PDB file of N, CA and C in Angstrom:
ATOM      1  N   UNK A   1     -10.062  -0.508 -27.384  1.00  0.00           N
ATOM      2  CA  UNK A   1     -10.123  -1.361 -28.424  1.00  0.00           C
ATOM      3  C   UNK A   1      -9.059  -1.158 -29.397  1.00  0.00           C
ATOM      4  N   UNK A   2      -8.517  -2.263 -29.830  1.00  0.00           N
ATOM      5  CA  UNK A   2      -7.679  -2.096 -30.914  1.00  0.00           C
ATOM      6  C   UNK A   2      -7.877  -3.396 -31.897  1.00  0.00           C
ATOM      7  N   UNK A   3      -8.363  -3.244 -33.017  1.00  0.00           N
ATOM      8  CA  UNK A   3      -8.740  -4.308 -34.045  1.00  0.00           C
ATOM      9  C   UNK A   3      -9.670  -5.244 -33.184  1.00  0.00           C
ATOM     10  N   UNK A   4     -10.697  -4.934 -32.587  1.00  0.00           N
ATOM     11  CA  UNK A   4     -11.574  -5.742 -31.678  1.00  0.00           C
ATOM     12  C   UNK A   4     -10.907  -6.557 -30.702  1.00  0.00           C
ATOM     13  N   UNK A   5      -9.756  -6.020 -30.147  1.00  0.00           N
ATOM     14  CA  UNK A   5      -9.162  -6.834 -29.056  1.00  0.00           C
ATOM     15  C   UNK A   5      -9.112  -5.622 -27.882  1.00  0.00           C
ATOM     16  N   UNK A   6      -9.772  -5.858 -26.921  1.00  0.00           N
ATOM     17  CA  UNK A   6      -9.596  -4.939 -25.634  1.00  0.00           C
ATOM     18  C   UNK A   6      -8.127  -4.714 -25.245  1.00  0.00           C
ATOM     19  N   UNK A   7      -7.865  -3.645 -24.986  1.00  0.00           N
ATOM     20  CA  UNK A   7      -6.571  -3.222 -24.347  1.00  0.00           C
ATOM     21  C   UNK A   7      -6.840  -2.532 -22.845  1.00  0.00           C
ATOM     22  N   UNK A   8      -6.439  -3.198 -21.800  1.00  0.00           N
ATOM     23  CA  UNK A   8      -6.648  -2.639 -20.561  1.00  0.00           C
ATOM     24  C   UNK A   8      -5.255  -2.164 -19.970  1.00  0.00           C
ATOM     25  N   UNK A   9      -5.428  -0.941 -19.683  1.00  0.00           N
ATOM     26  CA  UNK A   9      -4.111  -0.318 -19.054  1.00  0.00           C
ATOM     27  C   UNK A   9      -4.311  -0.246 -17.493  1.00  0.00           C
ATOM     28  N   UNK A  10      -3.243  -0.713 -16.801  1.00  0.00           N
ATOM     29  CA  UNK A  10      -3.362  -0.589 -15.355  1.00  0.00           C
ATOM     30  C   UNK A  10      -2.343   0.523 -14.856  1.00  0.00           C
ATOM     31  N   UNK A  11      -2.819   1.474 -14.166  1.00  0.00           N
ATOM     32  CA  UNK A  11      -1.860   2.394 -13.481  1.00  0.00           C
ATOM     33  C   UNK A  11      -1.954   2.697 -12.176  1.00  0.00           C
ATOM     34  N   UNK A  12      -1.092   3.588 -11.467  1.00  0.00           N
ATOM     35  CA  UNK A  12      -1.215   3.841 -10.151  1.00  0.00           C
ATOM     36  C   UNK A  12      -0.171   2.892  -9.369  1.00  0.00           C
ATOM     37  N   UNK A  13      -0.243   2.883  -8.034  1.00  0.00           N
ATOM     38  CA  UNK A  13       0.578   2.105  -7.215  1.00  0.00           C
ATOM     39  C   UNK A  13       0.015   0.632  -7.122  1.00  0.00           C
ATOM     40  N   UNK A  14       0.895  -0.133  -7.380  1.00  0.00           N
ATOM     41  CA  UNK A  14       0.682  -1.549  -7.274  1.00  0.00           C
ATOM     42  C   UNK A  14       1.589  -2.168  -6.006  1.00  0.00           C
ATOM     43  N   UNK A  15       0.651  -3.176  -5.492  1.00  0.00           N
ATOM     44  CA  UNK A  15       1.307  -3.611  -4.125  1.00  0.00           C
ATOM     45  C   UNK A  15       0.781  -4.998  -3.680  1.00  0.00           C
ATOM     46  N   UNK A  16       1.173  -5.740  -2.743  1.00  0.00           N
ATOM     47  CA  UNK A  16       0.698  -6.957  -2.183  1.00  0.00           C
ATOM     48  C   UNK A  16      -0.758  -6.675  -1.683  1.00  0.00           C
ATOM     49  N   UNK A  17      -0.868  -5.496  -1.240  1.00  0.00           N
ATOM     50  CA  UNK A  17      -2.225  -5.125  -0.475  1.00  0.00           C
ATOM     51  C   UNK A  17      -3.383  -4.847  -1.428  1.00  0.00           C
ATOM     52  N   UNK A  18      -3.077  -4.378  -2.675  1.00  0.00           N
ATOM     53  CA  UNK A  18      -4.012  -4.123  -3.650  1.00  0.00           C
ATOM     54  C   UNK A  18      -4.132  -5.005  -4.966  1.00  0.00           C
ATOM     55  N   UNK A  19      -3.071  -5.763  -5.105  1.00  0.00           N
ATOM     56  CA  UNK A  19      -3.036  -6.662  -6.267  1.00  0.00           C
ATOM     57  C   UNK A  19      -4.091  -7.317  -6.622  1.00  0.00           C
ATOM     58  N   UNK A  20      -4.768  -7.865  -5.562  1.00  0.00           N
ATOM     59  CA  UNK A  20      -5.922  -8.824  -5.759  1.00  0.00           C
ATOM     60  C   UNK A  20      -7.199  -8.015  -6.298  1.00  0.00           C
ATOM     61  N   UNK A  21      -7.386  -6.824  -5.741  1.00  0.00           N
ATOM     62  CA  UNK A  21      -8.454  -5.964  -6.029  1.00  0.00           C
ATOM     63  C   UNK A  21      -8.184  -5.352  -7.643  1.00  0.00           C
ATOM     64  N   UNK A  22      -7.001  -5.288  -7.844  1.00  0.00           N
ATOM     65  CA  UNK A  22      -6.735  -4.666  -9.361  1.00  0.00           C
ATOM     66  C   UNK A  22      -6.990  -5.917 -10.431  1.00  0.00           C
ATOM     67  N   UNK A  23      -6.443  -7.089  -9.879  1.00  0.00           N
ATOM     68  CA  UNK A  23      -6.726  -8.337 -10.709  1.00  0.00           C
ATOM     69  C   UNK A  23      -8.285  -8.575 -10.903  1.00  0.00           C
ATOM     70  N   UNK A  24      -9.012  -8.506  -9.792  1.00  0.00           N
ATOM     71  CA  UNK A  24     -10.614  -8.697  -9.856  1.00  0.00           C
ATOM     72  C   UNK A  24     -11.293  -7.609 -10.749  1.00  0.00           C
ATOM     73  N   UNK A  25     -10.549  -6.350 -10.659  1.00  0.00           N
ATOM     74  CA  UNK A  25     -11.352  -5.516 -11.536  1.00  0.00           C
ATOM     75  C   UNK A  25     -11.124  -5.879 -13.154  1.00  0.00           C
ATOM     76  N   UNK A  26      -9.831  -6.226 -13.500  1.00  0.00           N
ATOM     77  CA  UNK A  26      -9.295  -6.546 -14.773  1.00  0.00           C
ATOM     78  C   UNK A  26     -10.387  -7.818 -15.253  1.00  0.00           C
ATOM     79  N   UNK A  27     -10.436  -8.770 -14.227  1.00  0.00           N
ATOM     80  CA  UNK A  27     -11.208  -9.975 -14.599  1.00  0.00           C
ATOM     81  C   UNK A  27     -12.617  -9.593 -14.867  1.00  0.00           C
ATOM     82  N   UNK A  28     -13.292  -8.727 -14.086  1.00  0.00           N
ATOM     83  CA  UNK A  28     -14.544  -8.358 -14.222  1.00  0.00           C
ATOM     84  C   UNK A  28     -14.831  -7.630 -15.657  1.00  0.00           C
ATOM     85  N   UNK A  29     -13.750  -6.750 -16.187  1.00  0.00           N
ATOM     86  CA  UNK A  29     -13.826  -6.183 -17.310  1.00  0.00           C
ATOM     87  C   UNK A  29     -13.956  -7.258 -18.332  1.00  0.00           C
ATOM     88  N   UNK A  30     -12.993  -8.052 -18.226  1.00  0.00           N
ATOM     89  CA  UNK A  30     -12.953  -9.247 -19.105  1.00  0.00           C
ATOM     90  C   UNK A  30     -14.251 -10.179 -19.354  1.00  0.00           C
ATOM     91  N   UNK A  31     -14.888 -10.496 -18.171  1.00  0.00           N
ATOM     92  CA  UNK A  31     -16.121 -11.192 -18.197  1.00  0.00           C
ATOM     93  C   UNK A  31     -17.342 -10.400 -18.685  1.00  0.00           C
ATOM     94  N   UNK A  32     -17.380  -9.074 -18.485  1.00  0.00           N
ATOM     95  CA  UNK A  32     -18.414  -8.393 -19.199  1.00  0.00           C
ATOM     96  C   UNK A  32     -18.239  -8.124 -20.615  1.00  0.00           C
ATOM     97  N   UNK A  33     -17.158  -7.891 -21.138  1.00  0.00           N
ATOM     98  CA  UNK A  33     -17.011  -7.658 -22.409  1.00  0.00           C
ATOM     99  C   UNK A  33     -16.680  -8.968 -23.286  1.00  0.00           C
ATOM    100  N   UNK A  34     -16.364 -10.122 -22.743  1.00  0.00           N
ATOM    101  CA  UNK A  34     -16.293 -11.639 -23.370  1.00  0.00           C
ATOM    102  C   UNK A  34     -15.531 -11.489 -24.781  1.00  0.00           C
ATOM    103  N   UNK A  35     -14.278 -11.029 -24.599  1.00  0.00           N
ATOM    104  CA  UNK A  35     -13.533 -10.969 -25.786  1.00  0.00           C
ATOM    105  C   UNK A  35     -12.741 -12.317 -26.067  1.00  0.00           C
ATOM    106  N   UNK A  36     -12.461 -12.728 -27.338  1.00  0.00           N
ATOM    107  CA  UNK A  36     -11.471 -13.765 -27.563  1.00  0.00           C
ATOM    108  C   UNK A  36     -10.257 -13.745 -26.928  1.00  0.00           C
ATOM    109  N   UNK A  37      -9.592 -12.585 -26.716  1.00  0.00           N
ATOM    110  CA  UNK A  37      -8.228 -12.339 -26.201  1.00  0.00           C
ATOM    111  C   UNK A  37      -8.279 -10.905 -25.802  1.00  0.00           C
ATOM    112  N   UNK A  38      -7.098 -10.637 -24.824  1.00  0.00           N
ATOM    113  CA  UNK A  38      -7.064  -9.399 -24.182  1.00  0.00           C
ATOM    114  C   UNK A  38      -5.620  -9.132 -24.213  1.00  0.00           C
ATOM    115  N   UNK A  39      -5.125  -7.719 -24.171  1.00  0.00           N
ATOM    116  CA  UNK A  39      -3.935  -7.192 -23.931  1.00  0.00           C
ATOM    117  C   UNK A  39      -4.042  -6.540 -22.623  1.00  0.00           C
ATOM    118  N   UNK A  40      -3.301  -6.593 -21.536  1.00  0.00           N
ATOM    119  CA  UNK A  40      -3.103  -5.896 -20.378  1.00  0.00           C
ATOM    120  C   UNK A  40      -1.818  -5.158 -20.391  1.00  0.00           C
ATOM    121  N   UNK A  41      -1.797  -3.867 -20.339  1.00  0.00           N
ATOM    122  CA  UNK A  41      -0.495  -3.142 -20.252  1.00  0.00           C
ATOM    123  C   UNK A  41      -0.411  -2.640 -18.865  1.00  0.00           C
ATOM    124  N   UNK A  42       0.581  -3.154 -17.999  1.00  0.00           N
ATOM    125  CA  UNK A  42       0.886  -2.771 -16.858  1.00  0.00           C
ATOM    126  C   UNK A  42       2.179  -2.091 -16.790  1.00  0.00           C
ATOM    127  N   UNK A  43       2.736  -1.367 -17.903  1.00  0.00           N
ATOM    128  CA  UNK A  43       3.953  -0.528 -17.908  1.00  0.00           C
ATOM    129  C   UNK A  43       3.764   0.648 -16.839  1.00  0.00           C
ATOM    130  N   UNK A  44       2.474   1.283 -16.834  1.00  0.00           N
ATOM    131  CA  UNK A  44       2.421   2.640 -15.989  1.00  0.00           C
ATOM    132  C   UNK A  44       2.252   2.189 -14.548  1.00  0.00           C
ATOM    133  N   UNK A  45       2.121   1.036 -14.047  1.00  0.00           N
ATOM    134  CA  UNK A  45       1.902   0.532 -12.623  1.00  0.00           C
ATOM    135  C   UNK A  45       3.283   0.845 -11.893  1.00  0.00           C
ATOM    136  N   UNK A  46       3.328   1.530 -10.871  1.00  0.00           N
ATOM    137  CA  UNK A  46       4.570   1.500  -9.834  1.00  0.00           C
ATOM    138  C   UNK A  46       4.364   0.396  -8.840  1.00  0.00           C
ATOM    139  N   UNK A  47       5.470  -0.185  -8.609  1.00  0.00           N
ATOM    140  CA  UNK A  47       5.530  -1.335  -7.731  1.00  0.00           C
ATOM    141  C   UNK A  47       5.484  -2.585  -8.321  1.00  0.00           C
ATOM    142  N   UNK A  48       5.765  -3.694  -7.619  1.00  0.00           N
ATOM    143  CA  UNK A  48       5.557  -5.096  -8.219  1.00  0.00           C
ATOM    144  C   UNK A  48       5.485  -6.160  -7.171  1.00  0.00           C
ATOM    145  N   UNK A  49       5.015  -7.268  -7.441  1.00  0.00           N
ATOM    146  CA  UNK A  49       4.845  -8.134  -6.316  1.00  0.00           C
ATOM    147  C   UNK A  49       6.100  -9.103  -6.212  1.00  0.00           C
ATOM    148  N   UNK A  50       6.277  -9.701  -5.137  1.00  0.00           N
ATOM    149  CA  UNK A  50       7.365 -10.670  -5.079  1.00  0.00           C
ATOM    150  C   UNK A  50       6.836 -12.065  -5.641  1.00  0.00           C
ATOM    151  N   UNK A  51       7.778 -13.184  -5.571  1.00  0.00           N
ATOM    152  CA  UNK A  51       7.453 -14.317  -6.276  1.00  0.00           C
ATOM    153  C   UNK A  51       6.256 -15.061  -5.554  1.00  0.00           C
ATOM    154  N   UNK A  52       6.230 -15.031  -4.111  1.00  0.00           N
ATOM    155  CA  UNK A  52       5.184 -15.648  -3.391  1.00  0.00           C
ATOM    156  C   UNK A  52       3.854 -14.984  -3.615  1.00  0.00           C
ATOM    157  N   UNK A  53       3.884 -13.758  -3.526  1.00  0.00           N
ATOM    158  CA  UNK A  53       2.508 -12.844  -3.910  1.00  0.00           C
ATOM    159  C   UNK A  53       2.147 -13.031  -5.255  1.00  0.00           C
ATOM    160  N   UNK A  54       3.107 -13.287  -6.120  1.00  0.00           N
ATOM    161  CA  UNK A  54       2.450 -13.490  -7.537  1.00  0.00           C
ATOM    162  C   UNK A  54       1.850 -14.950  -7.734  1.00  0.00           C
ATOM    163  N   UNK A  55       2.532 -15.950  -6.986  1.00  0.00           N
ATOM    164  CA  UNK A  55       1.873 -17.312  -7.010  1.00  0.00           C
ATOM    165  C   UNK A  55       0.449 -17.082  -6.398  1.00  0.00           C
ATOM    166  N   UNK A  56       0.439 -16.556  -5.250  1.00  0.00           N
ATOM    167  CA  UNK A  56      -0.712 -16.733  -4.525  1.00  0.00           C
ATOM    168  C   UNK A  56      -1.895 -15.725  -5.303  1.00  0.00           C
ATOM    169  N   UNK A  57      -1.614 -14.884  -5.892  1.00  0.00           N
ATOM    170  CA  UNK A  57      -2.503 -14.127  -6.757  1.00  0.00           C
ATOM    171  C   UNK A  57      -2.999 -14.851  -7.839  1.00  0.00           C
ATOM    172  N   UNK A  58      -2.290 -15.503  -8.667  1.00  0.00           N
ATOM    173  CA  UNK A  58      -2.687 -16.333  -9.752  1.00  0.00           C
ATOM    174  C   UNK A  58      -3.563 -17.477  -9.419  1.00  0.00           C
ATOM    175  N   UNK A  59      -3.249 -18.096  -8.228  1.00  0.00           N
ATOM    176  CA  UNK A  59      -3.943 -19.329  -7.651  1.00  0.00           C
ATOM    177  C   UNK A  59      -5.179 -18.820  -7.047  1.00  0.00           C
ATOM    178  N   UNK A  60      -5.325 -17.466  -6.755  1.00  0.00           N
ATOM    179  CA  UNK A  60      -6.562 -17.104  -6.114  1.00  0.00           C
ATOM    180  C   UNK A  60      -7.609 -16.450  -7.018  1.00  0.00           C
ATOM    181  N   UNK A  61      -7.416 -16.593  -8.377  1.00  0.00           N
ATOM    182  CA  UNK A  61      -8.405 -16.323  -9.343  1.00  0.00           C
ATOM    183  C   UNK A  61      -9.707 -16.918  -9.102  1.00  0.00           C
ATOM    184  N   UNK A  62     -10.934 -16.339  -9.096  1.00  0.00           N
ATOM    185  CA  UNK A  62     -12.124 -17.128  -8.930  1.00  0.00           C
ATOM    186  C   UNK A  62     -12.524 -18.089  -9.994  1.00  0.00           C
ATOM    187  N   UNK A  63     -13.199 -19.230  -9.671  1.00  0.00           N
ATOM    188  CA  UNK A  63     -13.809 -19.950 -10.616  1.00  0.00           C
ATOM    189  C   UNK A  63     -14.590 -19.087 -11.628  1.00  0.00           C
ATOM    190  N   UNK A  64     -14.641 -19.596 -12.856  1.00  0.00           N
ATOM    191  CA  UNK A  64     -15.204 -18.701 -13.822  1.00  0.00           C
ATOM    192  C   UNK A  64     -14.537 -17.715 -14.545  1.00  0.00           C
ATOM    193  N   UNK A  65     -13.199 -17.541 -14.023  1.00  0.00           N
ATOM    194  CA  UNK A  65     -12.287 -16.596 -14.760  1.00  0.00           C
ATOM    195  C   UNK A  65     -12.013 -16.995 -16.153  1.00  0.00           C
ATOM    196  N   UNK A  66     -12.297 -16.274 -17.087  1.00  0.00           N
ATOM    197  CA  UNK A  66     -12.228 -16.698 -18.516  1.00  0.00           C
ATOM    198  C   UNK A  66     -10.745 -17.108 -18.844  1.00  0.00           C
ATOM    199  N   UNK A  67     -10.718 -18.247 -19.640  1.00  0.00           N
ATOM    200  CA  UNK A  67      -9.292 -18.721 -19.887  1.00  0.00           C
ATOM    201  C   UNK A  67      -9.037 -18.252 -21.329  1.00  0.00           C
ATOM    202  N   UNK A  68      -8.754 -16.983 -21.485  1.00  0.00           N
ATOM    203  CA  UNK A  68      -8.540 -16.541 -23.010  1.00  0.00           C
ATOM    204  C   UNK A  68      -7.214 -16.118 -23.077  1.00  0.00           C
ATOM    205  N   UNK A  69      -6.636 -15.877 -24.434  1.00  0.00           N
ATOM    206  CA  UNK A  69      -5.357 -15.584 -24.822  1.00  0.00           C
ATOM    207  C   UNK A  69      -4.998 -14.216 -24.127  1.00  0.00           C
ATOM    208  N   UNK A  70      -4.171 -14.094 -23.438  1.00  0.00           N
ATOM    209  CA  UNK A  70      -3.700 -12.823 -22.700  1.00  0.00           C
ATOM    210  C   UNK A  70      -2.208 -12.496 -22.879  1.00  0.00           C
ATOM    211  N   UNK A  71      -2.062 -11.148 -23.474  1.00  0.00           N
ATOM    212  CA  UNK A  71      -0.838 -10.659 -23.607  1.00  0.00           C
ATOM    213  C   UNK A  71      -0.744  -9.596 -22.551  1.00  0.00           C
ATOM    214  N   UNK A  72       0.419  -9.707 -21.750  1.00  0.00           N
ATOM    215  CA  UNK A  72       0.699  -8.799 -20.690  1.00  0.00           C
ATOM    216  C   UNK A  72       1.988  -8.014 -21.120  1.00  0.00           C
ATOM    217  N   UNK A  73       1.985  -6.744 -21.076  1.00  0.00           N
ATOM    218  CA  UNK A  73       3.001  -5.924 -21.503  1.00  0.00           C
ATOM    219  C   UNK A  73       3.601  -5.100 -20.354  1.00  0.00           C
ATOM    220  N   UNK A  74       4.867  -5.178 -20.072  1.00  0.00           N
ATOM    221  CA  UNK A  74       5.595  -4.668 -18.877  1.00  0.00           C
ATOM    222  C   UNK A  74       6.928  -4.166 -19.338  1.00  0.00           C
ATOM    223  N   UNK A  75       7.551  -3.424 -18.406  1.00  0.00           N
ATOM    224  CA  UNK A  75       8.979  -3.049 -18.668  1.00  0.00           C
ATOM    225  C   UNK A  75       9.843  -4.107 -18.450  1.00  0.00           C
ATOM    226  N   UNK A  76      10.974  -3.984 -19.139  1.00  0.00           N
ATOM    227  CA  UNK A  76      12.098  -4.949 -18.981  1.00  0.00           C
ATOM    228  C   UNK A  76      12.473  -5.366 -17.766  1.00  0.00           C
ATOM    229  N   UNK A  77      12.717  -4.145 -16.728  1.00  0.00           N
ATOM    230  CA  UNK A  77      13.001  -4.451 -15.371  1.00  0.00           C
ATOM    231  C   UNK A  77      12.101  -5.267 -14.458  1.00  0.00           C
ATOM    232  N   UNK A  78      10.893  -5.673 -15.129  1.00  0.00           N
ATOM    233  CA  UNK A  78      10.032  -6.403 -14.470  1.00  0.00           C
ATOM    234  C   UNK A  78       9.968  -7.885 -14.963  1.00  0.00           C
ATOM    235  N   UNK A  79      10.995  -8.196 -15.912  1.00  0.00           N
ATOM    236  CA  UNK A  79      10.948  -9.417 -16.749  1.00  0.00           C
ATOM    237  C   UNK A  79      10.830 -10.647 -15.616  1.00  0.00           C
ATOM    238  N   UNK A  80      11.582 -10.796 -14.608  1.00  0.00           N
ATOM    239  CA  UNK A  80      11.772 -11.789 -13.809  1.00  0.00           C
ATOM    240  C   UNK A  80      10.288 -12.230 -13.031  1.00  0.00           C
ATOM    241  N   UNK A  81       9.658 -11.013 -12.580  1.00  0.00           N
ATOM    242  CA  UNK A  81       8.389 -11.059 -12.132  1.00  0.00           C
ATOM    243  C   UNK A  81       7.389 -11.809 -12.996  1.00  0.00           C
ATOM    244  N   UNK A  82       7.403 -11.199 -14.363  1.00  0.00           N
ATOM    245  CA  UNK A  82       6.445 -11.402 -15.302  1.00  0.00           C
ATOM    246  C   UNK A  82       6.734 -12.826 -15.925  1.00  0.00           C
ATOM    247  N   UNK A  83       7.861 -13.216 -16.129  1.00  0.00           N
ATOM    248  CA  UNK A  83       8.203 -14.602 -16.442  1.00  0.00           C
ATOM    249  C   UNK A  83       7.702 -15.562 -15.452  1.00  0.00           C
ATOM    250  N   UNK A  84       7.809 -15.219 -14.155  1.00  0.00           N
ATOM    251  CA  UNK A  84       7.279 -16.194 -13.136  1.00  0.00           C
ATOM    252  C   UNK A  84       5.671 -16.296 -13.223  1.00  0.00           C
ATOM    253  N   UNK A  85       5.169 -15.042 -13.375  1.00  0.00           N
ATOM    254  CA  UNK A  85       3.619 -14.969 -13.403  1.00  0.00           C
ATOM    255  C   UNK A  85       3.239 -15.828 -14.765  1.00  0.00           C
ATOM    256  N   UNK A  86       3.933 -15.550 -15.731  1.00  0.00           N
ATOM    257  CA  UNK A  86       3.400 -16.296 -17.109  1.00  0.00           C
ATOM    258  C   UNK A  86       3.632 -17.768 -16.857  1.00  0.00           C
ATOM    259  N   UNK A  87       4.612 -18.380 -16.199  1.00  0.00           N
ATOM    260  CA  UNK A  87       4.662 -19.791 -15.853  1.00  0.00           C
ATOM    261  C   UNK A  87       3.492 -20.191 -15.018  1.00  0.00           C
ATOM    262  N   UNK A  88       3.206 -19.604 -13.906  1.00  0.00           N
ATOM    263  CA  UNK A  88       2.194 -19.889 -12.987  1.00  0.00           C
ATOM    264  C   UNK A  88       0.864 -19.844 -13.771  1.00  0.00           C
ATOM    265  N   UNK A  89       0.471 -18.820 -14.359  1.00  0.00           N
ATOM    266  CA  UNK A  89      -0.691 -18.732 -15.208  1.00  0.00           C
ATOM    267  C   UNK A  89      -0.879 -20.005 -16.213  1.00  0.00           C
ATOM    268  N   UNK A  90       0.238 -20.168 -17.169  1.00  0.00           N
ATOM    269  CA  UNK A  90       0.117 -21.445 -17.919  1.00  0.00           C
ATOM    270  C   UNK A  90      -0.241 -22.544 -17.119  1.00  0.00           C
ATOM    271  N   UNK A  91       0.602 -22.933 -15.882  1.00  0.00           N
ATOM    272  CA  UNK A  91       0.298 -24.095 -15.252  1.00  0.00           C
ATOM    273  C   UNK A  91      -1.071 -24.275 -14.676  1.00  0.00           C
ATOM    274  N   UNK A  92      -1.757 -23.107 -14.560  1.00  0.00           N
ATOM    275  CA  UNK A  92      -3.194 -23.429 -14.110  1.00  0.00           C
ATOM    276  C   UNK A  92      -4.210 -23.136 -15.378  1.00  0.00           C
ATOM    277  N   UNK A  93      -3.613 -23.085 -16.487  1.00  0.00           N
ATOM    278  CA  UNK A  93      -4.588 -23.176 -17.631  1.00  0.00           C
ATOM    279  C   UNK A  93      -4.873 -21.779 -18.463  1.00  0.00           C
ATOM    280  N   UNK A  94      -4.145 -20.749 -17.982  1.00  0.00           N
ATOM    281  CA  UNK A  94      -4.350 -19.619 -18.734  1.00  0.00           C
ATOM    282  C   UNK A  94      -3.389 -19.358 -19.819  1.00  0.00           C
ATOM    283  N   UNK A  95      -3.829 -19.135 -21.063  1.00  0.00           N
ATOM    284  CA  UNK A  95      -2.870 -18.913 -22.301  1.00  0.00           C
ATOM    285  C   UNK A  95      -2.474 -17.387 -22.165  1.00  0.00           C
ATOM    286  N   UNK A  96      -1.171 -17.158 -21.353  1.00  0.00           N
ATOM    287  CA  UNK A  96      -0.668 -15.900 -21.096  1.00  0.00           C
ATOM    288  C   UNK A  96       0.796 -15.920 -21.635  1.00  0.00           C
ATOM    289  N   UNK A  97       1.014 -14.765 -22.211  1.00  0.00           N
ATOM    290  CA  UNK A  97       2.436 -14.572 -22.559  1.00  0.00           C
ATOM    291  C   UNK A  97       2.878 -12.897 -22.222  1.00  0.00           C
ATOM    292  N   UNK A  98       4.072 -12.874 -21.687  1.00  0.00           N
ATOM    293  CA  UNK A  98       4.702 -11.526 -21.392  1.00  0.00           C
ATOM    294  C   UNK A  98       5.365 -11.196 -22.495  1.00  0.00           C
ATOM    295  N   UNK A  99       5.265  -9.670 -22.595  1.00  0.00           N
ATOM    296  CA  UNK A  99       5.951  -8.951 -23.644  1.00  0.00           C
ATOM    297  C   UNK A  99       6.551  -7.615 -23.231  1.00  0.00           C
ATOM    298  N   UNK A 100       7.648  -7.081 -23.657  1.00  0.00           N
ATOM    299  CA  UNK A 100       8.136  -5.643 -23.371  1.00  0.00           C
ATOM    300  C   UNK A 100       7.742  -4.788 -24.453  1.00  0.00           C
ATOM    301  N   UNK A 101       7.309  -5.364 -25.729  1.00  0.00           N
ATOM    302  CA  UNK A 101       7.142  -4.537 -26.817  1.00  0.00           C
ATOM    303  C   UNK A 101       5.400  -4.734 -27.074  1.00  0.00           C
ATOM    304  N   UNK A 102       4.810  -3.656 -27.067  1.00  0.00           N
ATOM    305  CA  UNK A 102       3.389  -3.715 -27.032  1.00  0.00           C
ATOM    306  C   UNK A 102       2.862  -3.939 -28.779  1.00  0.00           C
ATOM    307  N   UNK A 103       3.700  -3.884 -29.671  1.00  0.00           N
ATOM    308  CA  UNK A 103       3.298  -4.271 -31.088  1.00  0.00           C
ATOM    309  C   UNK A 103       3.574  -5.727 -31.202  1.00  0.00           C
ATOM    310  N   UNK A 104       4.658  -6.318 -30.458  1.00  0.00           N
ATOM    311  CA  UNK A 104       4.715  -7.797 -30.449  1.00  0.00           C
ATOM    312  C   UNK A 104       3.555  -8.442 -29.938  1.00  0.00           C
ATOM    313  N   UNK A 105       3.231  -7.881 -28.681  1.00  0.00           N
ATOM    314  CA  UNK A 105       2.008  -8.526 -28.237  1.00  0.00           C
ATOM    315  C   UNK A 105       0.784  -8.422 -28.990  1.00  0.00           C
ATOM    316  N   UNK A 106       0.524  -7.361 -29.643  1.00  0.00           N
ATOM    317  CA  UNK A 106      -0.487  -7.321 -30.594  1.00  0.00           C
ATOM    318  C   UNK A 106      -0.469  -8.204 -31.581  1.00  0.00           C
ATOM    319  N   UNK A 107       0.643  -8.506 -32.137  1.00  0.00           N
ATOM    320  CA  UNK A 107       0.922  -9.302 -33.277  1.00  0.00           C
ATOM    321  C   UNK A 107       0.566 -10.812 -32.701  1.00  0.00           C
ATOM    322  N   UNK A 108       1.050 -11.218 -31.607  1.00  0.00           N
ATOM    323  CA  UNK A 108       0.703 -12.625 -31.050  1.00  0.00           C
ATOM    324  C   UNK A 108      -0.760 -12.791 -30.889  1.00  0.00           C
ATOM    325  N   UNK A 109      -1.364 -11.562 -30.408  1.00  0.00           N
ATOM    326  CA  UNK A 109      -2.923 -11.842 -30.282  1.00  0.00           C
ATOM    327  C   UNK A 109      -3.530 -12.173 -31.499  1.00  0.00           C
ATOM    328  N   UNK A 110      -3.057 -11.444 -32.597  1.00  0.00           N
ATOM    329  CA  UNK A 110      -3.890 -11.459 -33.887  1.00  0.00           C
ATOM    330  C   UNK A 110      -3.281 -12.646 -34.666  1.00  0.00           C
ATOM    331  N   UNK A 111      -2.489 -13.513 -34.258  1.00  0.00           N
ATOM    332  CA  UNK A 111      -1.885 -14.680 -34.868  1.00  0.00           C
ATOM    333  C   UNK A 111      -2.596 -15.827 -34.842  1.00  0.00           C
TER     334      UNK A 111
END
């Protein structure tokens, strides 16, 4: 928690095979804590999804997934994938923004 905002850090190996499981764990944490917004730090995760996998992942979020303000923090080298994720998430109704600076993400969530 940082000023009443949950900060979830995802680490380990990320892949097409386990991305849905990781996303469902994060969604479960959000559902249980019922925050007004959340910061998800994926900088420690190794691996990334392709464009098609990213699209499929976001589109597969279950009904009842909270539509809360979400800041995702990742490394600059993943900007292309995260920009696409942000676009897909916004198109299905999630208030999501991508950041490379965790302080900027916190500021956006607190604004």
